N, C-alpha and C. Protein backbone atom coordinates (compact mmCIF):
# COMPACT_ATOMS: atom_id res chain seq x y z
N MET A 1 0.72 -0.99 -0.10
CA MET A 1 -0.13 -0.01 -0.03
C MET A 1 1.03 1.18 -0.07
N SER A 2 0.67 2.37 -0.54
CA SER A 2 1.23 3.42 -0.81
C SER A 2 1.28 4.49 0.75
N LEU A 3 1.93 5.37 0.07
CA LEU A 3 2.02 6.24 2.09
C LEU A 3 0.60 6.81 2.16
N THR A 4 -0.22 7.26 0.93
CA THR A 4 -1.14 7.94 1.17
C THR A 4 -2.38 6.65 1.09
N SER A 5 -2.30 5.51 0.43
CA SER A 5 -3.37 4.75 1.23
C SER A 5 -3.83 4.93 2.18
N VAL A 6 -2.22 4.39 3.06
CA VAL A 6 -2.42 4.11 4.05
C VAL A 6 -2.86 5.37 5.08
N ALA A 7 -2.25 6.59 5.13
CA ALA A 7 -2.56 7.66 5.60
C ALA A 7 -4.14 7.72 5.27
N ASP A 8 -4.87 7.65 4.20
CA ASP A 8 -6.27 7.85 4.20
C ASP A 8 -7.11 7.14 5.23
N GLN A 9 -6.97 6.08 4.91
CA GLN A 9 -7.42 5.18 5.76
C GLN A 9 -7.88 5.42 7.39
N TYR A 10 -6.84 5.61 7.88
CA TYR A 10 -6.58 6.16 9.35
C TYR A 10 -6.98 7.82 9.33
N ILE A 11 -7.72 8.20 8.33
CA ILE A 11 -8.24 9.78 8.62
C ILE A 11 -9.72 9.19 8.37
N GLN A 12 -10.05 8.28 7.51
CA GLN A 12 -11.59 8.03 7.16
C GLN A 12 -11.61 7.50 9.02
N GLN A 13 -11.20 6.96 9.44
CA GLN A 13 -11.40 6.31 10.51
C GLN A 13 -11.76 7.36 11.82
N GLY A 14 -11.15 8.82 11.55
CA GLY A 14 -11.51 9.86 12.67
C GLY A 14 -9.44 10.13 12.87
N GLY A 15 -8.74 9.30 12.62
CA GLY A 15 -7.32 9.37 13.11
C GLY A 15 -6.76 10.87 12.31
N GLU A 16 -6.13 11.69 13.02
CA GLU A 16 -5.40 13.41 12.40
C GLU A 16 -4.30 13.10 12.67
N PHE A 17 -3.30 13.42 11.51
CA PHE A 17 -2.17 13.44 11.14
C PHE A 17 -1.56 14.94 11.71
N VAL A 18 -1.09 15.40 12.48
CA VAL A 18 -0.85 16.89 12.66
C VAL A 18 0.81 16.86 12.31
N SER A 19 1.22 16.34 11.91
CA SER A 19 2.64 16.50 11.16
C SER A 19 2.00 15.27 9.65
N PRO A 20 2.52 15.66 8.30
CA PRO A 20 2.07 15.05 7.30
C PRO A 20 2.69 13.73 7.26
N PRO A 21 2.16 13.13 6.44
CA PRO A 21 2.74 11.21 6.31
C PRO A 21 4.37 11.26 6.30
N SER A 22 4.47 12.19 5.20
CA SER A 22 5.55 12.15 4.59
C SER A 22 6.83 12.43 5.58
N LEU A 23 6.40 13.53 6.41
CA LEU A 23 7.66 13.96 7.37
C LEU A 23 7.49 13.28 8.44
N PHE A 24 5.94 12.49 8.92
CA PHE A 24 6.69 11.59 10.12
C PHE A 24 7.32 10.01 9.53
N VAL A 25 6.94 9.70 8.64
CA VAL A 25 8.18 8.51 8.09
C VAL A 25 9.66 9.22 7.96
N GLU A 26 9.78 10.27 7.77
CA GLU A 26 11.22 10.56 8.00
C GLU A 26 11.50 10.69 9.51
N LYS A 27 10.67 11.26 9.94
CA LYS A 27 11.34 11.07 11.40
C LYS A 27 11.31 9.89 12.14
N MET A 28 10.75 8.94 11.66
CA MET A 28 10.61 7.59 11.80
C MET A 28 12.44 7.01 11.81
N LYS A 29 12.79 7.79 11.14
CA LYS A 29 14.27 6.75 10.50
C LYS A 29 15.25 7.27 12.06
N SER A 30 15.15 8.02 12.77
CA SER A 30 16.25 8.20 13.64
C SER A 30 15.50 7.66 15.11
N ILE A 31 14.43 6.72 14.87
CA ILE A 31 13.78 6.47 15.97
C ILE A 31 14.83 5.05 16.63
N ARG A 32 15.15 5.34 18.22
CA ARG A 32 15.60 3.61 18.41
C ARG A 32 15.08 3.32 19.99
N VAL A 33 14.43 4.07 20.15
CA VAL A 33 13.72 4.18 21.68
C VAL A 33 12.29 4.34 21.74
N VAL A 34 11.39 3.26 21.89
CA VAL A 34 9.97 3.22 22.15
C VAL A 34 9.27 3.83 23.87
N LEU A 35 8.86 4.40 24.07
CA LEU A 35 8.30 5.12 25.39
C LEU A 35 6.99 5.42 25.58
N PHE A 36 5.90 4.55 26.65
CA PHE A 36 4.77 4.84 26.79
C PHE A 36 4.23 5.33 27.83
N ASP A 37 3.50 6.22 27.99
CA ASP A 37 2.65 6.18 29.29
C ASP A 37 1.86 5.30 29.76
N TRP A 38 0.80 5.20 30.99
CA TRP A 38 0.15 3.78 31.45
C TRP A 38 -1.13 3.89 30.98
N ASP A 39 -1.24 5.10 32.20
CA ASP A 39 -2.97 5.36 32.38
C ASP A 39 -3.78 6.18 31.04
N GLY A 40 -4.30 5.71 30.39
CA GLY A 40 -5.09 6.27 29.42
C GLY A 40 -4.15 5.77 28.25
N VAL A 41 -3.16 5.29 28.13
CA VAL A 41 -2.46 4.69 26.46
C VAL A 41 -3.14 3.25 26.60
N PHE A 42 -2.51 2.10 28.13
CA PHE A 42 -2.69 0.68 27.93
C PHE A 42 -4.05 0.42 28.49
N ASN A 43 -4.86 1.58 28.41
CA ASN A 43 -6.03 1.39 29.26
C ASN A 43 -7.26 2.72 29.01
N ASP A 44 -8.56 2.46 30.06
CA ASP A 44 -8.91 3.66 30.05
C ASP A 44 -8.73 5.05 30.67
N GLY A 45 -7.90 4.50 32.12
CA GLY A 45 -7.54 5.30 32.93
C GLY A 45 -8.27 4.87 34.23
N PHE A 46 -9.04 4.28 34.01
CA PHE A 46 -9.75 3.76 35.41
C PHE A 46 -8.72 2.69 36.23
N LYS A 47 -8.87 3.01 37.68
CA LYS A 47 -8.19 2.63 38.76
C LYS A 47 -9.17 1.07 39.11
N ARG A 48 -8.35 0.28 39.39
CA ARG A 48 -9.44 -1.19 39.90
C ARG A 48 -8.70 -1.95 40.86
N GLY A 49 -8.96 -1.52 42.14
CA GLY A 49 -7.96 -1.74 42.85
C GLY A 49 -7.08 -1.60 43.42
N GLU A 50 -6.00 -2.68 44.17
CA GLU A 50 -4.39 -2.59 44.40
C GLU A 50 -4.11 -2.92 42.95
N GLU A 51 -4.44 -3.50 42.22
CA GLU A 51 -3.86 -3.85 40.99
C GLU A 51 -3.77 -2.53 39.79
N GLY A 52 -4.00 -1.05 40.33
CA GLY A 52 -4.29 -0.20 39.54
C GLY A 52 -5.12 -0.41 38.21
N SER A 53 -4.73 -0.02 37.11
CA SER A 53 -4.73 0.23 36.05
C SER A 53 -4.74 -0.71 34.90
N ILE A 54 -5.53 -1.84 34.29
CA ILE A 54 -4.98 -2.88 33.78
C ILE A 54 -4.55 -2.66 32.56
N PHE A 55 -4.30 -3.81 31.81
CA PHE A 55 -3.97 -3.83 30.36
C PHE A 55 -4.51 -4.65 29.14
N SER A 56 -4.80 -4.75 27.89
CA SER A 56 -5.27 -5.36 26.87
C SER A 56 -3.92 -6.08 26.11
N GLU A 57 -4.40 -7.36 25.87
CA GLU A 57 -3.52 -8.35 25.56
C GLU A 57 -3.36 -7.87 23.42
N VAL A 58 -4.20 -7.06 23.34
CA VAL A 58 -4.52 -6.36 21.71
C VAL A 58 -3.56 -5.76 21.79
N ASP A 59 -3.08 -4.60 22.88
CA ASP A 59 -2.27 -3.58 22.80
C ASP A 59 -0.99 -4.05 23.42
N ALA A 60 -0.92 -4.87 24.00
CA ALA A 60 0.35 -6.10 24.45
C ALA A 60 0.88 -6.36 23.13
N MET A 61 0.24 -7.14 22.03
CA MET A 61 0.82 -7.36 21.04
C MET A 61 1.04 -6.32 20.02
N GLY A 62 0.19 -5.07 20.20
CA GLY A 62 1.13 -3.84 19.03
C GLY A 62 2.13 -3.70 19.98
N THR A 63 2.30 -3.21 20.96
CA THR A 63 3.98 -2.88 21.49
C THR A 63 5.00 -4.17 20.88
N ASN A 64 4.73 -5.14 21.04
CA ASN A 64 5.43 -6.25 20.61
C ASN A 64 5.98 -6.20 19.04
N LEU A 65 4.63 -6.03 18.09
CA LEU A 65 4.71 -6.20 16.81
C LEU A 65 5.68 -4.76 16.13
N LEU A 66 5.48 -3.85 16.87
CA LEU A 66 6.28 -2.40 16.80
C LEU A 66 7.83 -2.71 17.42
N ARG A 67 7.69 -2.97 18.04
CA ARG A 67 9.36 -3.35 18.82
C ARG A 67 10.31 -4.11 17.62
N TYR A 68 9.30 -5.60 17.22
CA TYR A 68 9.98 -6.36 16.36
C TYR A 68 9.91 -5.37 14.63
N ALA A 69 8.92 -4.68 14.36
CA ALA A 69 9.56 -3.80 13.21
C ALA A 69 10.87 -2.88 13.67
N LEU A 70 11.01 -2.16 14.27
CA LEU A 70 12.14 -1.62 14.77
C LEU A 70 13.44 -2.30 14.73
N TRP A 71 13.36 -3.66 15.24
CA TRP A 71 14.30 -4.41 15.41
C TRP A 71 15.19 -4.86 14.18
N ARG A 72 13.82 -4.95 13.01
CA ARG A 72 13.89 -5.40 11.81
C ARG A 72 14.88 -4.30 10.91
N ALA A 73 14.14 -3.13 11.69
CA ALA A 73 14.99 -2.03 10.49
C ALA A 73 16.30 -1.20 11.32
N ASN A 74 16.20 -2.24 12.47
CA ASN A 74 17.49 -1.26 13.17
C ASN A 74 18.75 -2.42 13.66
N GLY A 75 18.47 -3.53 13.51
CA GLY A 75 19.26 -4.59 13.78
C GLY A 75 19.07 -4.56 15.40
N ALA A 76 18.92 -3.77 16.00
CA ALA A 76 18.43 -4.30 17.61
C ALA A 76 17.39 -4.57 18.24
N VAL A 77 17.40 -4.47 19.73
CA VAL A 77 16.09 -5.09 20.13
C VAL A 77 16.40 -3.12 20.42
N PRO A 78 15.28 -2.00 20.57
CA PRO A 78 14.61 -1.20 21.20
C PRO A 78 14.47 -0.75 22.39
N VAL A 79 15.28 0.14 22.69
CA VAL A 79 15.25 0.18 24.30
C VAL A 79 13.58 1.21 24.19
N SER A 80 13.20 -0.13 25.07
CA SER A 80 11.58 0.28 25.50
C SER A 80 11.24 0.48 26.84
N ALA A 81 10.33 1.36 27.70
CA ALA A 81 10.36 1.76 28.57
C ALA A 81 8.65 2.10 28.93
N ILE A 82 8.36 2.15 30.20
CA ILE A 82 7.23 2.63 30.44
C ILE A 82 7.07 3.90 31.49
N MET A 83 6.42 5.35 31.69
CA MET A 83 6.87 5.84 32.45
C MET A 83 5.36 6.59 33.05
N THR A 84 4.82 6.30 34.00
CA THR A 84 3.81 6.53 34.83
C THR A 84 3.92 7.27 36.34
N GLY A 85 2.83 8.21 36.03
CA GLY A 85 3.14 9.16 37.11
C GLY A 85 2.53 8.08 38.63
N GLU A 86 2.00 7.21 38.48
CA GLU A 86 1.45 6.93 39.93
C GLU A 86 2.23 5.15 40.13
N ASN A 87 2.26 5.09 41.40
CA ASN A 87 2.56 3.58 41.28
C ASN A 87 1.20 2.21 40.79
N ASN A 88 1.43 1.79 39.79
CA ASN A 88 0.70 0.98 38.86
C ASN A 88 1.22 -0.47 38.90
N PRO A 89 1.29 -1.80 39.83
CA PRO A 89 1.47 -2.92 39.96
C PRO A 89 1.11 -3.44 38.45
N SER A 90 0.25 -3.12 37.58
CA SER A 90 0.20 -3.88 36.42
C SER A 90 1.20 -3.38 35.50
N ALA A 91 1.75 -1.97 35.49
CA ALA A 91 2.87 -1.68 34.52
C ALA A 91 3.93 -2.52 34.93
N VAL A 92 3.95 -2.78 35.85
CA VAL A 92 5.52 -3.25 36.35
C VAL A 92 5.44 -4.45 35.89
N LEU A 93 4.46 -5.43 35.74
CA LEU A 93 4.05 -6.44 35.86
C LEU A 93 4.22 -6.54 34.13
N PHE A 94 3.65 -5.74 33.51
CA PHE A 94 3.46 -5.74 31.56
C PHE A 94 5.29 -5.49 31.52
N ALA A 95 5.67 -4.66 32.17
CA ALA A 95 7.05 -4.32 31.49
C ALA A 95 8.15 -5.48 31.66
N LYS A 96 8.01 -6.34 32.83
CA LYS A 96 8.21 -7.57 33.05
C LYS A 96 8.31 -8.78 32.08
N ARG A 97 6.76 -9.14 32.08
CA ARG A 97 6.89 -9.80 31.06
C ARG A 97 7.06 -9.73 29.72
N GLU A 98 7.26 -8.60 29.26
CA GLU A 98 7.59 -8.16 27.81
C GLU A 98 8.57 -7.89 27.42
N ASN A 99 9.70 -7.92 28.60
CA ASN A 99 10.75 -7.94 28.79
C ASN A 99 11.66 -6.49 28.39
N PHE A 100 10.68 -5.45 28.85
CA PHE A 100 11.03 -3.58 28.40
C PHE A 100 12.23 -3.31 29.29
N THR A 101 12.85 -2.18 28.56
CA THR A 101 14.18 -1.98 29.39
C THR A 101 13.94 -1.35 30.64
N ALA A 102 12.67 -0.59 31.02
CA ALA A 102 12.93 -0.09 32.12
C ALA A 102 11.16 0.16 32.04
N VAL A 103 10.74 0.37 33.33
CA VAL A 103 9.48 0.68 34.06
C VAL A 103 9.60 1.97 35.11
N PHE A 104 9.40 3.18 34.51
CA PHE A 104 9.76 4.28 35.68
C PHE A 104 7.98 4.73 36.57
N THR A 105 8.10 4.60 37.65
CA THR A 105 6.80 4.60 38.13
C THR A 105 6.75 6.09 39.19
N GLY A 106 5.97 6.35 40.03
CA GLY A 106 5.47 7.97 41.00
C GLY A 106 6.48 8.97 39.85
N THR A 107 6.82 9.17 38.76
CA THR A 107 7.29 10.22 37.35
C THR A 107 5.82 11.21 37.74
N LYS A 108 5.79 12.13 38.72
CA LYS A 108 5.25 13.36 39.01
C LYS A 108 5.33 14.46 37.87
N ASN A 109 6.72 14.23 37.49
CA ASN A 109 7.49 15.65 37.17
C ASN A 109 8.30 14.81 35.60
N LYS A 110 7.24 14.22 34.77
CA LYS A 110 7.80 13.55 33.87
C LYS A 110 8.94 14.16 32.92
N GLY A 111 9.19 15.48 32.63
CA GLY A 111 10.01 15.74 32.23
C GLY A 111 11.05 15.86 32.89
N LYS A 112 11.48 15.91 33.85
CA LYS A 112 12.69 15.81 34.58
C LYS A 112 12.76 14.15 34.87
N ALA A 113 11.97 13.68 34.77
CA ALA A 113 11.96 11.74 34.61
C ALA A 113 12.61 11.60 33.55
N PHE A 114 12.30 12.13 32.39
CA PHE A 114 12.39 12.08 30.79
C PHE A 114 14.02 12.41 30.91
N GLN A 115 14.77 13.04 31.36
CA GLN A 115 16.07 13.64 31.14
C GLN A 115 17.04 12.56 31.86
N LEU A 116 16.37 12.45 33.30
CA LEU A 116 16.89 11.01 33.67
C LEU A 116 17.10 9.49 33.02
N PHE A 117 15.81 9.65 32.06
CA PHE A 117 15.54 8.46 31.13
C PHE A 117 16.75 8.27 30.30
N CYS A 118 16.69 9.44 29.69
CA CYS A 118 17.94 9.85 28.70
C CYS A 118 19.41 9.62 28.89
N ASP A 119 19.48 10.24 30.10
CA ASP A 119 20.89 10.04 30.56
C ASP A 119 21.08 8.71 30.90
N GLN A 120 20.00 7.89 31.62
CA GLN A 120 20.71 6.49 31.69
C GLN A 120 20.33 5.47 30.53
N TYR A 121 19.81 5.81 29.92
CA TYR A 121 20.00 5.19 28.38
C TYR A 121 21.02 5.58 27.32
N LYS A 122 21.45 7.04 27.84
CA LYS A 122 22.41 7.24 26.31
C LYS A 122 21.76 7.25 25.40
N CYS A 123 20.14 8.18 25.28
CA CYS A 123 19.24 8.78 23.93
C CYS A 123 19.49 9.93 23.94
N THR A 124 19.07 10.70 22.99
CA THR A 124 18.56 11.83 22.27
C THR A 124 16.85 12.03 22.63
N PRO A 125 16.19 12.75 22.95
CA PRO A 125 15.15 13.30 22.72
C PRO A 125 14.41 12.72 20.94
N SER A 126 15.58 13.55 20.39
CA SER A 126 14.73 12.82 18.60
C SER A 126 14.96 11.60 18.62
N GLN A 127 15.65 10.52 19.12
CA GLN A 127 15.36 8.88 19.05
C GLN A 127 14.08 8.28 19.67
N VAL A 128 13.13 8.90 20.47
CA VAL A 128 12.53 8.55 20.83
C VAL A 128 10.97 8.63 20.24
N LEU A 129 10.49 7.74 20.43
CA LEU A 129 9.16 7.25 19.75
C LEU A 129 7.96 7.25 20.80
N PHE A 130 7.00 8.23 21.08
CA PHE A 130 6.27 8.78 22.51
C PHE A 130 5.12 8.42 22.27
N PHE A 131 4.37 7.51 23.10
CA PHE A 131 2.79 7.16 23.41
C PHE A 131 2.17 8.06 24.92
N GLY A 132 1.63 8.88 24.55
CA GLY A 132 0.72 9.53 25.68
C GLY A 132 -0.09 10.25 25.64
N ASP A 133 -0.71 10.48 26.49
CA ASP A 133 -2.32 10.95 26.65
C ASP A 133 -2.60 12.26 26.99
N ASP A 134 -2.35 12.86 27.94
CA ASP A 134 -2.79 13.86 28.92
C ASP A 134 -1.61 14.73 29.51
N VAL A 135 -2.25 15.77 29.98
CA VAL A 135 -1.76 16.95 30.05
C VAL A 135 -0.12 16.87 30.19
N LEU A 136 0.18 15.69 31.99
CA LEU A 136 1.50 15.58 32.18
C LEU A 136 2.55 15.30 31.40
N ASP A 137 2.02 14.49 29.96
CA ASP A 137 2.84 13.68 29.32
C ASP A 137 3.40 14.75 28.47
N LEU A 138 2.89 15.88 28.38
CA LEU A 138 3.05 16.84 27.18
C LEU A 138 4.81 17.49 27.27
N GLU A 139 4.98 17.92 28.18
CA GLU A 139 6.27 18.23 27.95
C GLU A 139 7.41 17.13 27.79
N VAL A 140 7.35 15.67 28.19
CA VAL A 140 7.71 14.60 27.51
C VAL A 140 7.65 14.95 25.78
N ALA A 141 6.28 15.17 25.51
CA ALA A 141 5.80 14.84 23.59
C ALA A 141 6.59 15.83 23.37
N ARG A 142 6.92 17.63 23.89
CA ARG A 142 7.62 18.39 22.96
C ARG A 142 8.76 18.21 22.84
N GLN A 143 9.52 17.28 23.66
CA GLN A 143 11.18 17.14 23.43
C GLN A 143 11.36 15.80 22.71
N CYS A 144 10.35 14.86 22.34
CA CYS A 144 10.46 13.49 21.48
C CYS A 144 10.84 13.87 19.92
N GLY A 145 11.35 12.66 19.64
CA GLY A 145 11.23 13.25 18.06
C GLY A 145 9.84 12.55 17.04
N VAL A 146 9.11 11.53 17.47
CA VAL A 146 7.82 11.19 17.30
C VAL A 146 6.99 11.05 18.05
N ARG A 147 5.51 11.55 18.39
CA ARG A 147 4.59 11.71 19.16
C ARG A 147 3.24 11.27 18.82
N ILE A 148 3.03 10.51 19.55
CA ILE A 148 1.64 9.68 19.07
C ILE A 148 0.82 10.07 20.90
N VAL A 149 -0.47 10.78 20.13
CA VAL A 149 -1.42 11.61 21.51
C VAL A 149 -2.43 10.34 21.39
N ILE A 150 -3.02 9.67 22.17
CA ILE A 150 -3.92 9.23 22.17
C ILE A 150 -5.20 9.38 22.42
N GLY A 151 -6.26 9.69 21.45
CA GLY A 151 -7.39 10.80 21.56
C GLY A 151 -8.29 10.36 22.35
N ARG A 152 -9.50 11.11 22.71
CA ARG A 152 -10.66 11.31 23.19
C ARG A 152 -11.63 11.98 22.76
N LYS A 153 -12.92 11.24 22.79
CA LYS A 153 -13.85 13.25 22.56
C LYS A 153 -13.97 13.74 23.41
N SER A 154 -13.76 13.29 24.80
CA SER A 154 -14.24 14.54 25.95
C SER A 154 -12.74 15.90 25.57
N GLY A 155 -11.85 15.37 25.07
CA GLY A 155 -10.62 16.10 25.03
C GLY A 155 -10.71 17.11 24.10
N VAL A 156 -11.29 18.06 23.50
CA VAL A 156 -11.49 19.00 22.90
C VAL A 156 -10.55 19.95 22.36
N LEU A 157 -10.92 20.38 23.82
CA LEU A 157 -9.79 21.74 23.96
C LEU A 157 -8.25 21.17 24.06
N PHE A 158 -7.89 20.43 24.91
CA PHE A 158 -7.09 19.50 24.92
C PHE A 158 -6.01 18.91 23.63
N LYS A 159 -6.95 18.51 22.73
CA LYS A 159 -6.66 18.41 21.06
C LYS A 159 -6.14 19.62 20.74
N GLN A 160 -7.03 20.54 20.75
CA GLN A 160 -6.72 22.09 19.93
C GLN A 160 -5.25 22.40 20.09
N TRP A 161 -5.23 22.33 22.06
CA TRP A 161 -3.51 22.84 22.59
C TRP A 161 -3.12 21.95 21.96
N VAL A 162 -3.28 20.74 21.97
CA VAL A 162 -1.96 19.88 21.09
C VAL A 162 -1.65 20.25 19.89
N ARG A 163 -2.77 20.75 18.86
CA ARG A 163 -1.88 20.53 17.78
C ARG A 163 -1.34 22.40 17.61
N SER A 164 -2.12 23.15 18.00
CA SER A 164 -1.46 24.28 18.13
C SER A 164 -0.49 24.51 18.71
N ASN A 165 0.18 23.69 19.30
CA ASN A 165 1.73 23.81 20.16
C ASN A 165 2.27 22.90 19.41
N GLN A 166 1.98 22.04 18.31
CA GLN A 166 2.77 20.74 17.55
C GLN A 166 3.26 20.17 18.46
N LEU A 167 2.48 19.66 19.43
CA LEU A 167 2.94 18.84 20.47
C LEU A 167 2.40 17.15 20.06
N ALA A 168 1.98 16.68 19.04
CA ALA A 168 2.00 15.60 18.51
C ALA A 168 2.00 15.39 16.96
N ASP A 169 2.57 14.36 16.50
CA ASP A 169 2.57 14.15 15.18
C ASP A 169 1.44 13.41 14.63
N TYR A 170 0.39 12.44 15.51
CA TYR A 170 -0.46 11.45 15.18
C TYR A 170 -1.76 11.43 16.41
N ILE A 171 -2.73 11.92 15.86
CA ILE A 171 -3.64 12.08 17.37
C ILE A 171 -4.80 10.61 17.01
N THR A 172 -4.91 9.80 17.88
CA THR A 172 -5.52 8.41 17.48
C THR A 172 -7.17 8.73 17.48
N ALA A 173 -7.69 7.89 16.66
CA ALA A 173 -9.24 8.19 16.62
C ALA A 173 -9.65 7.07 17.47
N CYS A 174 -9.11 5.78 18.61
CA CYS A 174 -9.35 5.16 19.34
C CYS A 174 -8.88 5.71 20.64
N ASP A 175 -9.74 5.52 21.88
CA ASP A 175 -9.03 5.90 22.96
C ASP A 175 -8.45 5.02 23.96
N GLY A 176 -7.87 5.10 24.80
CA GLY A 176 -7.21 3.75 25.57
C GLY A 176 -7.91 2.98 25.78
N GLY A 177 -8.89 2.88 26.09
CA GLY A 177 -10.01 1.79 26.52
C GLY A 177 -10.34 0.91 25.31
N ASN A 178 -9.60 1.16 23.88
CA ASN A 178 -10.27 0.68 22.82
C ASN A 178 -9.21 0.86 22.06
N HIS A 179 -8.19 0.46 22.14
CA HIS A 179 -6.90 -0.13 22.15
C HIS A 179 -6.07 1.55 20.70
N GLY A 180 -6.39 2.49 21.24
CA GLY A 180 -6.12 3.54 20.73
C GLY A 180 -4.25 3.46 20.39
N LEU A 181 -3.61 2.31 21.48
CA LEU A 181 -2.19 2.09 21.10
C LEU A 181 -1.38 1.73 19.97
N ARG A 182 -2.66 0.35 20.27
CA ARG A 182 -2.86 -0.68 18.62
C ARG A 182 -3.07 0.03 17.47
N GLU A 183 -3.73 1.02 17.80
CA GLU A 183 -4.56 1.60 16.20
C GLU A 183 -2.41 2.98 15.80
N GLY A 184 -1.97 3.39 16.54
CA GLY A 184 -0.98 4.15 16.71
C GLY A 184 0.04 2.70 16.28
N ALA A 185 0.72 1.72 16.86
CA ALA A 185 1.54 0.85 16.02
C ALA A 185 1.38 0.27 14.91
N GLU A 186 -0.06 0.43 14.41
CA GLU A 186 0.21 -0.32 13.64
C GLU A 186 -0.05 0.70 11.91
N MET A 187 -0.15 1.79 12.48
CA MET A 187 -0.51 3.10 11.55
C MET A 187 1.16 3.27 11.20
N ILE A 188 1.97 3.56 12.43
CA ILE A 188 3.60 3.32 12.18
C ILE A 188 3.74 2.39 11.04
N MET A 189 3.40 1.21 11.22
CA MET A 189 4.48 0.33 10.65
C MET A 189 3.55 0.02 8.97
N GLY A 190 2.44 0.37 8.79
CA GLY A 190 1.79 0.19 7.63
C GLY A 190 2.36 1.97 7.12
N LEU A 191 2.51 3.01 7.48
CA LEU A 191 2.99 3.98 6.96
C LEU A 191 4.70 4.03 6.30
N THR A 192 5.47 3.17 7.19
CA THR A 192 6.86 3.15 6.97
C THR A 192 6.86 1.68 6.02
N GLY A 193 6.03 1.36 5.83
CA GLY A 193 5.96 -0.12 5.12
C GLY A 193 6.42 -1.26 5.41
N TRP A 194 6.73 -1.31 7.08
CA TRP A 194 6.57 -2.71 7.84
C TRP A 194 6.06 -3.49 7.63
N PHE A 195 4.59 -3.39 7.77
CA PHE A 195 3.36 -4.00 8.01
C PHE A 195 3.49 -5.53 7.78
N ASP A 196 3.50 -5.42 6.66
CA ASP A 196 3.62 -6.74 5.35
C ASP A 196 4.22 -7.95 6.15
N ASP A 197 5.66 -7.62 5.96
CA ASP A 197 6.69 -8.58 6.62
C ASP A 197 6.57 -8.59 7.96
N VAL A 198 6.22 -8.06 8.67
CA VAL A 198 6.31 -7.86 10.31
C VAL A 198 5.16 -9.49 10.64
N ILE A 199 3.75 -8.76 9.62
CA ILE A 199 2.70 -9.78 10.36
C ILE A 199 3.20 -11.25 9.62
N ARG A 200 4.04 -11.17 8.41
CA ARG A 200 4.02 -12.70 7.66
C ARG A 200 5.05 -13.66 8.78
N ASN A 201 5.82 -12.40 9.24
CA ASN A 201 7.01 -13.47 10.48
C ASN A 201 6.35 -13.69 11.51
N ARG A 202 5.60 -13.07 11.98
CA ARG A 202 4.73 -13.46 13.09
C ARG A 202 3.64 -14.34 13.15
N MET A 203 3.45 -14.15 12.21
CA MET A 203 2.50 -15.32 11.66
C MET A 203 2.91 -16.85 11.84
N VAL A 204 3.84 -17.03 11.12
CA VAL A 204 4.32 -18.28 11.18
C VAL A 204 5.57 -18.79 11.84
N PHE A 205 5.51 -17.63 12.83
CA PHE A 205 6.49 -17.30 14.20
C PHE A 205 8.14 -18.47 12.95
N SER A 206 8.55 -17.18 12.35
CA SER A 206 9.64 -17.33 11.66
C SER A 206 10.72 -17.43 12.10
N ASP A 207 12.12 -18.33 11.72
CA ASP A 207 13.39 -17.53 12.28
C ASP A 207 13.81 -16.63 12.63
N ASN A 208 13.40 -15.53 11.63
CA ASN A 208 13.48 -14.47 11.64
C ASN A 208 12.68 -13.36 13.75
N TYR A 209 12.10 -13.98 13.60
CA TYR A 209 10.89 -13.42 14.42
C TYR A 209 11.61 -14.09 15.84
N GLN A 210 11.62 -15.81 15.45
CA GLN A 210 12.52 -16.01 17.15
C GLN A 210 13.36 -15.71 17.27
N LYS A 211 14.86 -14.95 16.11
CA LYS A 211 15.86 -14.20 16.79
C LYS A 211 15.54 -13.18 17.76
N TYR A 212 14.79 -12.63 16.68
CA TYR A 212 14.34 -11.26 17.77
C TYR A 212 13.68 -11.54 18.73
N LEU A 213 12.95 -12.73 19.17
CA LEU A 213 12.23 -13.10 20.15
C LEU A 213 13.41 -13.10 21.63
N ALA A 214 14.65 -14.17 21.38
CA ALA A 214 15.55 -14.42 22.03
C ALA A 214 16.19 -13.35 22.26
N GLU A 215 16.41 -12.08 21.65
CA GLU A 215 17.71 -11.53 22.05
C GLU A 215 16.74 -10.34 22.80
N ARG A 216 15.34 -10.33 22.94
CA ARG A 216 14.40 -9.30 23.17
C ARG A 216 14.61 -10.07 24.97
N LYS A 217 14.68 -11.30 24.93
CA LYS A 217 14.70 -12.23 26.31
C LYS A 217 15.95 -11.78 27.13
N THR A 218 16.58 -11.67 26.41
CA THR A 218 17.84 -11.49 27.06
C THR A 218 17.65 -9.72 27.98
N THR A 219 17.22 -9.16 27.70
CA THR A 219 16.79 -7.79 28.68
C THR A 219 15.81 -8.07 29.97
N LEU A 220 16.70 -7.78 31.04
CA LEU A 220 16.16 -7.31 32.38
C LEU A 220 15.72 -5.93 32.71
N THR A 221 14.42 -6.08 33.15
CA THR A 221 13.59 -5.17 33.43
C THR A 221 14.23 -4.17 34.79
N ASN A 222 14.39 -2.73 34.44
CA ASN A 222 14.65 -2.33 35.45
C ASN A 222 13.62 -1.02 35.84
N HIS A 223 13.14 -1.52 37.07
CA HIS A 223 11.86 -0.80 37.78
C HIS A 223 12.93 0.49 38.67
N VAL A 224 12.52 1.39 37.99
CA VAL A 224 12.53 2.78 38.80
C VAL A 224 11.46 3.46 39.78
N ALA A 225 11.65 3.42 40.97
CA ALA A 225 10.39 3.77 41.57
C ALA A 225 10.99 5.26 42.11
N LEU A 226 10.31 6.73 41.59
CA LEU A 226 10.62 7.89 41.79
C LEU A 226 10.12 7.87 43.45
N PRO A 227 10.76 8.95 44.00
CA PRO A 227 10.08 9.50 45.53
C PRO A 227 8.81 10.63 44.87
């Protein structure tokens, strides 16, 4: 599929390209790191007792396919992390299960936490692909190379602010409770031309996919609990 045909499909479903698709693809060439907010990105933001907020296997697959795509493009498993303002046990569980590089909890000041993250993992902001959804994510989004904002119908003025201040490259049609993360992940793979090969390899559990998986499994997740 052409760049235009992929972009048009997402626009027809209600997705919004704040940056032109051609620029989006160009910026993706620098991406080596994937960073996710948790509440409102992996879920609807509601809390459920001591476990906090949950996640969906649909979105989990989206993160894995995206990481596999980046591994194929760059020859290395991307640094992958979650940064949440709260203490979310489910986020820690998920990060460890999926062999993420790190999970940062208690990040009330995400701008400061992001500086710590970049220093610790020796990356520049322009190398980071970021998924966020709300106000405390915006200072991170301002700095990152590619920004996916998970949309929601209630955030009319918020989305207007994000647009006018160029704090996103794409705003999803689906919200966090309806797999906006998966939408963003598939959109990225579609625009870059990675989607078909990634799906074919994962579908048959190819040798190439198994090599990625073996490399991924060597990652030990670092839990950084900020005061």
